[in-house]
Amino acid sequence: MKVSAIAIPVLAGFASANPIEERQSCPGVHVFGARETTVPQGYGTSQGLVDMVVRAYPGATKAAIVYPACGGQSQCGGVSYDNSARQGTAAVVKAVTEFNQRCPSTKIVLVGYSQGGQIMDGALCGGAGATLTGAALNSVKAAIFMGDPFNVAGLPYNVGTCRAKGFAARPSGYKCSPANPSIIQSYCDSTDPYCCNGNDANSHQQYVNKYGQQALAFIKKLVDAA
């Protein structure tokens, strides 16, 4: 059968849109960061650690989770905390799933601060609506929660001095699922009034300064082994 001259450039066009070629531009590592309550859209305090990871892996990329980050305050639209966190968890699941579909070989790292930590926690460990599953879940190689209000004492991935619980604490007997708890570290100190029962609000903002290098070493160990 004779192939017309018109068909040739059409076929060439299909070849140039080959998904394999598109995947070649995908990064080796991609970091999602999520900000704390009332902070304007972006990374908030998570940015310090997000940038540390990006610098550790040349060519790595990053993106902030888009969600209300609200607790009923007028400056963030009056969205209730629970509604904001639920929207945030769904946004994490959507962002990670869509990125994994585009770049299935990219290793993903999650970094969440305060409410941002809670939405990462919900996406990995359930109990908050949408949950990561399948290839998208497997693409997450490391996750850091800092000042997570879901915090409860006794979890295997807890780091810090808190022996109590956050204001939105997980129930008694809780276990993380479906994620493997070994990919997580959750930082919370006893002085923090949000992830613990302390009374020093300033301590809530210090986790990157205090534990950033430790968190980075944990991330690198898991990403490099994956």
C-alpha atoms as a PDB file:
ATOM      1  CA  MET A   1       0.000   0.000   0.000  1.00  0.00           C
ATOM      2  CA  LYS A   2       1.291   3.420  -0.918  1.00  0.00           C
ATOM      3  CA  VAL A   3       1.781   5.858   1.980  1.00  0.00           C
ATOM      4  CA  SER A   4       0.966   9.395   1.028  1.00  0.00           C
ATOM      5  CA  ALA A   5       3.417  12.209   1.585  1.00  0.00           C
ATOM      6  CA  ILE A   6       0.925  13.826   3.923  1.00  0.00           C
ATOM      7  CA  ALA A   7       1.016  10.840   6.266  1.00  0.00           C
ATOM      8  CA  ILE A   8       4.759  11.039   6.843  1.00  0.00           C
ATOM      9  CA  PRO A   9       4.870  14.264   8.885  1.00  0.00           C
ATOM     10  CA  VAL A  10       1.786  13.108  10.792  1.00  0.00           C
ATOM     11  CA  LEU A  11       3.563   9.922  11.816  1.00  0.00           C
ATOM     12  CA  ALA A  12       6.630  11.952  12.740  1.00  0.00           C
ATOM     13  CA  GLY A  13       4.461  14.120  14.914  1.00  0.00           C
ATOM     14  CA  PHE A  14       3.243  11.084  16.824  1.00  0.00           C
ATOM     15  CA  ALA A  15       6.798   9.920  17.336  1.00  0.00           C
ATOM     16  CA  SER A  16       7.879  13.238  18.844  1.00  0.00           C
ATOM     17  CA  ALA A  17       5.046  13.006  21.372  1.00  0.00           C
ATOM     18  CA  ASN A  18       6.192   9.613  22.627  1.00  0.00           C
ATOM     19  CA  PRO A  19       5.661   9.427  26.407  1.00  0.00           C
ATOM     20  CA  ILE A  20       9.082   7.799  26.815  1.00  0.00           C
ATOM     21  CA  GLU A  21      10.717  10.936  25.422  1.00  0.00           C
ATOM     22  CA  GLU A  22       8.676  13.117  27.760  1.00  0.00           C
ATOM     23  CA  ARG A  23       9.746  11.037  30.742  1.00  0.00           C
ATOM     24  CA  GLN A  24      13.391  11.681  29.928  1.00  0.00           C
ATOM     25  CA  SER A  25      12.913  15.246  31.186  1.00  0.00           C
ATOM     26  CA  CYS A  26      11.528  14.081  34.534  1.00  0.00           C
ATOM     27  CA  PRO A  27      13.693  14.794  37.592  1.00  0.00           C
ATOM     28  CA  GLY A  28      15.291  12.083  39.672  1.00  0.00           C
ATOM     29  CA  VAL A  29      13.802  13.628  42.820  1.00  0.00           C
ATOM     30  CA  HIS A  30      10.759  15.863  43.326  1.00  0.00           C
ATOM     31  CA  VAL A  31       9.773  17.474  46.631  1.00  0.00           C
ATOM     32  CA  PHE A  32       6.271  18.538  47.635  1.00  0.00           C
ATOM     33  CA  GLY A  33       6.022  21.024  50.501  1.00  0.00           C
ATOM     34  CA  ALA A  34       2.969  22.120  52.474  1.00  0.00           C
ATOM     35  CA  ARG A  35       2.675  25.263  54.584  1.00  0.00           C
ATOM     36  CA  GLU A  36       1.203  25.934  58.001  1.00  0.00           C
ATOM     37  CA  THR A  37      -2.113  27.628  58.874  1.00  0.00           C
ATOM     38  CA  THR A  38      -2.761  31.250  57.733  1.00  0.00           C
ATOM     39  CA  VAL A  39       0.517  31.479  55.788  1.00  0.00           C
ATOM     40  CA  PRO A  40       0.120  32.761  52.189  1.00  0.00           C
ATOM     41  CA  GLN A  41       0.251  30.241  49.361  1.00  0.00           C
ATOM     42  CA  GLY A  42       3.700  28.707  49.038  1.00  0.00           C
ATOM     43  CA  TYR A  43       5.873  26.572  51.286  1.00  0.00           C
ATOM     44  CA  GLY A  44       5.739  28.478  54.564  1.00  0.00           C
ATOM     45  CA  THR A  45       8.234  27.195  57.124  1.00  0.00           C
ATOM     46  CA  SER A  46       8.605  23.929  55.209  1.00  0.00           C
ATOM     47  CA  GLN A  47      10.634  25.799  52.586  1.00  0.00           C
ATOM     48  CA  GLY A  48      13.873  25.584  54.547  1.00  0.00           C
ATOM     49  CA  LEU A  49      13.895  21.788  54.432  1.00  0.00           C
ATOM     50  CA  VAL A  50      12.404  21.611  50.935  1.00  0.00           C
ATOM     51  CA  ASP A  51      15.296  23.706  49.630  1.00  0.00           C
ATOM     52  CA  MET A  52      17.856  21.617  51.522  1.00  0.00           C
ATOM     53  CA  VAL A  53      16.618  18.505  49.731  1.00  0.00           C
ATOM     54  CA  VAL A  54      16.589  20.213  46.334  1.00  0.00           C
ATOM     55  CA  ARG A  55      20.173  21.390  46.842  1.00  0.00           C
ATOM     56  CA  ALA A  56      21.237  17.868  47.800  1.00  0.00           C
ATOM     57  CA  TYR A  57      20.036  16.459  44.459  1.00  0.00           C
ATOM     58  CA  PRO A  58      21.120  18.425  41.364  1.00  0.00           C
ATOM     59  CA  GLY A  59      18.219  18.647  38.936  1.00  0.00           C
ATOM     60  CA  ALA A  60      15.626  18.011  41.645  1.00  0.00           C
ATOM     61  CA  THR A  61      12.378  19.964  41.436  1.00  0.00           C
ATOM     62  CA  LYS A  62       9.826  21.163  43.978  1.00  0.00           C
ATOM     63  CA  ALA A  63       6.204  22.274  44.223  1.00  0.00           C
ATOM     64  CA  ALA A  64       3.957  23.624  46.969  1.00  0.00           C
ATOM     65  CA  ILE A  65       0.642  21.955  47.733  1.00  0.00           C
ATOM     66  CA  VAL A  66      -2.211  24.340  46.943  1.00  0.00           C
ATOM     67  CA  TYR A  67      -4.837  24.290  49.690  1.00  0.00           C
ATOM     68  CA  PRO A  68      -6.567  26.782  52.031  1.00  0.00           C
ATOM     69  CA  ALA A  69      -4.210  26.384  55.036  1.00  0.00           C
ATOM     70  CA  CYS A  70      -6.940  27.961  57.126  1.00  0.00           C
ATOM     71  CA  GLY A  71      -8.373  27.656  60.593  1.00  0.00           C
ATOM     72  CA  GLY A  72     -11.412  29.877  60.270  1.00  0.00           C
ATOM     73  CA  GLN A  73      -9.468  33.146  59.960  1.00  0.00           C
ATOM     74  CA  SER A  74     -10.728  35.829  57.599  1.00  0.00           C
ATOM     75  CA  GLN A  75      -7.361  36.214  55.829  1.00  0.00           C
ATOM     76  CA  CYS A  76      -7.619  32.671  54.465  1.00  0.00           C
ATOM     77  CA  GLY A  77     -11.275  32.824  53.532  1.00  0.00           C
ATOM     78  CA  GLY A  78     -12.857  31.678  56.781  1.00  0.00           C
ATOM     79  CA  VAL A  79     -12.499  27.989  55.893  1.00  0.00           C
ATOM     80  CA  SER A  80     -12.713  25.842  59.027  1.00  0.00           C
ATOM     81  CA  TYR A  81      -9.584  23.962  60.111  1.00  0.00           C
ATOM     82  CA  ASP A  82     -11.128  20.534  59.537  1.00  0.00           C
ATOM     83  CA  ASN A  83     -12.409  21.495  56.091  1.00  0.00           C
ATOM     84  CA  SER A  84      -9.062  23.029  55.153  1.00  0.00           C
ATOM     85  CA  ALA A  85      -7.138  19.948  56.268  1.00  0.00           C
ATOM     86  CA  ARG A  86      -9.489  17.649  54.389  1.00  0.00           C
ATOM     87  CA  GLN A  87      -9.073  19.745  51.221  1.00  0.00           C
ATOM     88  CA  GLY A  88      -5.331  19.705  51.780  1.00  0.00           C
ATOM     89  CA  THR A  89      -5.170  15.938  52.102  1.00  0.00           C
ATOM     90  CA  ALA A  90      -7.101  15.558  48.863  1.00  0.00           C
ATOM     91  CA  ALA A  91      -4.739  18.067  47.213  1.00  0.00           C
ATOM     92  CA  VAL A  92      -1.696  16.028  48.280  1.00  0.00           C
ATOM     93  CA  VAL A  93      -3.195  12.835  46.866  1.00  0.00           C
ATOM     94  CA  LYS A  94      -4.070  14.575  43.602  1.00  0.00           C
ATOM     95  CA  ALA A  95      -0.669  16.278  43.221  1.00  0.00           C
ATOM     96  CA  VAL A  96       1.378  13.154  43.946  1.00  0.00           C
ATOM     97  CA  THR A  97      -0.811  10.907  41.799  1.00  0.00           C
ATOM     98  CA  GLU A  98      -0.703  13.239  38.796  1.00  0.00           C
ATOM     99  CA  PHE A  99       3.051  13.746  39.116  1.00  0.00           C
ATOM    100  CA  ASN A 100       3.655  10.005  39.351  1.00  0.00           C
ATOM    101  CA  GLN A 101       1.562   9.438  36.239  1.00  0.00           C
ATOM    102  CA  ARG A 102       3.747  11.914  34.321  1.00  0.00           C
ATOM    103  CA  CYS A 103       7.049  10.808  35.865  1.00  0.00           C
ATOM    104  CA  PRO A 104       6.695   7.227  37.132  1.00  0.00           C
ATOM    105  CA  SER A 105      10.395   6.810  37.900  1.00  0.00           C
ATOM    106  CA  THR A 106      10.802  10.013  39.927  1.00  0.00           C
ATOM    107  CA  LYS A 107      11.398   9.595  43.666  1.00  0.00           C
ATOM    108  CA  ILE A 108       9.018  11.819  45.624  1.00  0.00           C
ATOM    109  CA  VAL A 109       9.667  13.419  49.023  1.00  0.00           C
ATOM    110  CA  LEU A 110       6.927  15.003  51.153  1.00  0.00           C
ATOM    111  CA  VAL A 111       7.619  17.794  53.654  1.00  0.00           C
ATOM    112  CA  GLY A 112       4.756  19.256  55.670  1.00  0.00           C
ATOM    113  CA  TYR A 113       4.703  21.849  58.431  1.00  0.00           C
ATOM    114  CA  SER A 114       1.952  22.073  61.085  1.00  0.00           C
ATOM    115  CA  GLN A 115      -1.368  21.798  59.201  1.00  0.00           C
ATOM    116  CA  GLY A 116       0.828  21.047  56.190  1.00  0.00           C
ATOM    117  CA  GLY A 117       2.261  18.099  58.119  1.00  0.00           C
ATOM    118  CA  GLN A 118      -1.227  16.944  58.993  1.00  0.00           C
ATOM    119  CA  ILE A 119      -2.324  16.838  55.343  1.00  0.00           C
ATOM    120  CA  MET A 120       0.764  14.843  54.366  1.00  0.00           C
ATOM    121  CA  ASP A 121       0.051  12.551  57.321  1.00  0.00           C
ATOM    122  CA  GLY A 122      -3.541  12.058  56.180  1.00  0.00           C
ATOM    123  CA  ALA A 123      -2.528  11.313  52.595  1.00  0.00           C
ATOM    124  CA  LEU A 124      -0.067   8.629  53.704  1.00  0.00           C
ATOM    125  CA  CYS A 125      -1.634   7.222  56.841  1.00  0.00           C
ATOM    126  CA  GLY A 126      -5.383   7.550  56.332  1.00  0.00           C
ATOM    127  CA  GLY A 127      -8.183   8.795  58.528  1.00  0.00           C
ATOM    128  CA  ALA A 128      -8.734  12.055  56.665  1.00  0.00           C
ATOM    129  CA  GLY A 129     -10.570  11.185  53.474  1.00  0.00           C
ATOM    130  CA  ALA A 130      -8.421  10.687  50.365  1.00  0.00           C
ATOM    131  CA  THR A 131      -5.387   8.404  50.682  1.00  0.00           C
ATOM    132  CA  LEU A 132      -2.471   7.624  48.381  1.00  0.00           C
ATOM    133  CA  THR A 133      -2.484   4.137  46.891  1.00  0.00           C
ATOM    134  CA  GLY A 134      -0.680   1.971  44.364  1.00  0.00           C
ATOM    135  CA  ALA A 135       2.142   3.398  42.253  1.00  0.00           C
ATOM    136  CA  ALA A 136       1.626   6.921  43.607  1.00  0.00           C
ATOM    137  CA  LEU A 137       2.085   5.731  47.187  1.00  0.00           C
ATOM    138  CA  ASN A 138       5.122   3.670  46.206  1.00  0.00           C
ATOM    139  CA  SER A 139       6.713   6.713  44.549  1.00  0.00           C
ATOM    140  CA  VAL A 140       6.944   8.475  47.932  1.00  0.00           C
ATOM    141  CA  LYS A 141      10.336   7.493  49.310  1.00  0.00           C
ATOM    142  CA  ALA A 142      10.442   9.743  52.394  1.00  0.00           C
ATOM    143  CA  ALA A 143       8.077  11.989  54.332  1.00  0.00           C
ATOM    144  CA  ILE A 144       8.718  14.560  57.048  1.00  0.00           C
ATOM    145  CA  PHE A 145       6.012  15.981  59.307  1.00  0.00           C
ATOM    146  CA  MET A 146       6.987  18.932  61.504  1.00  0.00           C
ATOM    147  CA  GLY A 147       4.645  20.142  64.243  1.00  0.00           C
ATOM    148  CA  ASP A 148       1.871  17.825  63.011  1.00  0.00           C
ATOM    149  CA  PRO A 149      -1.362  18.299  65.046  1.00  0.00           C
ATOM    150  CA  PHE A 150      -2.226  14.639  64.303  1.00  0.00           C
ATOM    151  CA  ASN A 151       0.705  13.707  66.567  1.00  0.00           C
ATOM    152  CA  VAL A 152       0.150  11.128  69.301  1.00  0.00           C
ATOM    153  CA  ALA A 153       2.757   9.613  71.604  1.00  0.00           C
ATOM    154  CA  GLY A 154       4.227   6.188  70.936  1.00  0.00           C
ATOM    155  CA  LEU A 155       4.341   6.146  67.141  1.00  0.00           C
ATOM    156  CA  PRO A 156       7.476   4.461  65.747  1.00  0.00           C
ATOM    157  CA  TYR A 157       8.419   7.467  63.608  1.00  0.00           C
ATOM    158  CA  ASN A 158       8.129  10.162  66.299  1.00  0.00           C
ATOM    159  CA  VAL A 159      11.170  12.359  66.888  1.00  0.00           C
ATOM    160  CA  GLY A 160      11.486  14.990  69.634  1.00  0.00           C
ATOM    161  CA  THR A 161      10.572  15.437  73.268  1.00  0.00           C
ATOM    162  CA  CYS A 162       6.750  15.348  73.108  1.00  0.00           C
ATOM    163  CA  ARG A 163       5.153  12.520  75.093  1.00  0.00           C
ATOM    164  CA  ALA A 164       1.594  13.813  74.789  1.00  0.00           C
ATOM    165  CA  LYS A 165      -0.570  14.586  71.754  1.00  0.00           C
ATOM    166  CA  GLY A 166      -1.573  17.340  69.357  1.00  0.00           C
ATOM    167  CA  PHE A 167      -4.892  19.158  69.294  1.00  0.00           C
ATOM    168  CA  ALA A 168      -6.130  16.938  66.437  1.00  0.00           C
ATOM    169  CA  ALA A 169      -4.466  13.772  67.752  1.00  0.00           C
ATOM    170  CA  ARG A 170      -4.894  10.337  66.245  1.00  0.00           C
ATOM    171  CA  PRO A 171      -7.157   7.985  68.249  1.00  0.00           C
ATOM    172  CA  SER A 172      -5.881   5.450  70.753  1.00  0.00           C
ATOM    173  CA  GLY A 173      -4.474   2.350  69.069  1.00  0.00           C
ATOM    174  CA  TYR A 174      -3.898   4.146  65.759  1.00  0.00           C
ATOM    175  CA  LYS A 175      -1.435   2.709  63.234  1.00  0.00           C
ATOM    176  CA  CYS A 176      -0.310   4.330  59.993  1.00  0.00           C
ATOM    177  CA  SER A 177      -1.845   2.748  56.882  1.00  0.00           C
ATOM    178  CA  PRO A 178      -1.478   2.272  53.937  1.00  0.00           C
ATOM    179  CA  ALA A 179       2.026   3.815  53.946  1.00  0.00           C
ATOM    180  CA  ASN A 180       5.006   2.006  55.433  1.00  0.00           C
ATOM    181  CA  PRO A 181       5.837   3.886  58.674  1.00  0.00           C
ATOM    182  CA  SER A 182       9.554   3.393  57.984  1.00  0.00           C
ATOM    183  CA  ILE A 183       9.493   6.187  55.368  1.00  0.00           C
ATOM    184  CA  ILE A 184       8.258   8.774  57.915  1.00  0.00           C
ATOM    185  CA  GLN A 185       9.759  10.984  60.591  1.00  0.00           C
ATOM    186  CA  SER A 186       7.463  13.252  62.629  1.00  0.00           C
ATOM    187  CA  TYR A 187       9.076  16.007  64.693  1.00  0.00           C
ATOM    188  CA  CYS A 188       7.380  17.427  67.788  1.00  0.00           C
ATOM    189  CA  ASP A 189       8.706  18.842  71.067  1.00  0.00           C
ATOM    190  CA  SER A 190       6.971  19.056  74.427  1.00  0.00           C
ATOM    191  CA  THR A 191       6.936  22.867  74.434  1.00  0.00           C
ATOM    192  CA  ASP A 192       4.801  23.007  71.267  1.00  0.00           C
ATOM    193  CA  PRO A 193       1.116  23.851  71.908  1.00  0.00           C
ATOM    194  CA  TYR A 194      -0.062  22.543  68.522  1.00  0.00           C
ATOM    195  CA  CYS A 195       1.490  19.097  68.060  1.00  0.00           C
ATOM    196  CA  CYS A 196       1.886  18.609  71.821  1.00  0.00           C
ATOM    197  CA  ASN A 197       0.527  20.228  74.995  1.00  0.00           C
ATOM    198  CA  GLY A 198       3.168  22.903  75.639  1.00  0.00           C
ATOM    199  CA  ASN A 199       2.751  26.663  75.888  1.00  0.00           C
ATOM    200  CA  ASP A 200       5.591  28.072  73.780  1.00  0.00           C
ATOM    201  CA  ALA A 201       4.166  28.959  70.361  1.00  0.00           C
ATOM    202  CA  ASN A 202       7.626  30.062  69.170  1.00  0.00           C
ATOM    203  CA  SER A 203       8.929  26.509  69.544  1.00  0.00           C
ATOM    204  CA  HIS A 204       6.421  25.444  66.895  1.00  0.00           C
ATOM    205  CA  GLN A 205       8.425  27.352  64.284  1.00  0.00           C
ATOM    206  CA  GLN A 206      11.856  25.940  65.152  1.00  0.00           C
ATOM    207  CA  TYR A 207      11.839  22.420  63.714  1.00  0.00           C
ATOM    208  CA  VAL A 208      13.767  23.142  60.525  1.00  0.00           C
ATOM    209  CA  ASN A 209      16.392  25.076  62.474  1.00  0.00           C
ATOM    210  CA  LYS A 210      16.622  22.409  65.156  1.00  0.00           C
ATOM    211  CA  TYR A 211      16.142  19.189  63.208  1.00  0.00           C
ATOM    212  CA  GLY A 212      16.698  20.127  59.564  1.00  0.00           C
ATOM    213  CA  GLN A 213      20.031  18.356  59.142  1.00  0.00           C
ATOM    214  CA  GLN A 214      18.713  15.243  60.868  1.00  0.00           C
ATOM    215  CA  ALA A 215      15.661  15.224  58.616  1.00  0.00           C
ATOM    216  CA  LEU A 216      17.809  15.715  55.519  1.00  0.00           C
ATOM    217  CA  ALA A 217      20.050  12.786  56.490  1.00  0.00           C
ATOM    218  CA  PHE A 218      16.951  10.599  56.929  1.00  0.00           C
ATOM    219  CA  ILE A 219      15.605  11.644  53.522  1.00  0.00           C
ATOM    220  CA  LYS A 220      18.923  11.062  51.765  1.00  0.00           C
ATOM    221  CA  LYS A 221      19.311   7.611  53.298  1.00  0.00           C
ATOM    222  CA  LEU A 222      15.928   6.514  51.964  1.00  0.00           C
ATOM    223  CA  VAL A 223      16.115   8.249  48.581  1.00  0.00           C
ATOM    224  CA  ASP A 224      19.614   6.952  47.894  1.00  0.00           C
ATOM    225  CA  ALA A 225      18.577   3.408  48.806  1.00  0.00           C
ATOM    226  CA  ALA A 226      15.436   3.456  46.648  1.00  0.00           C
END
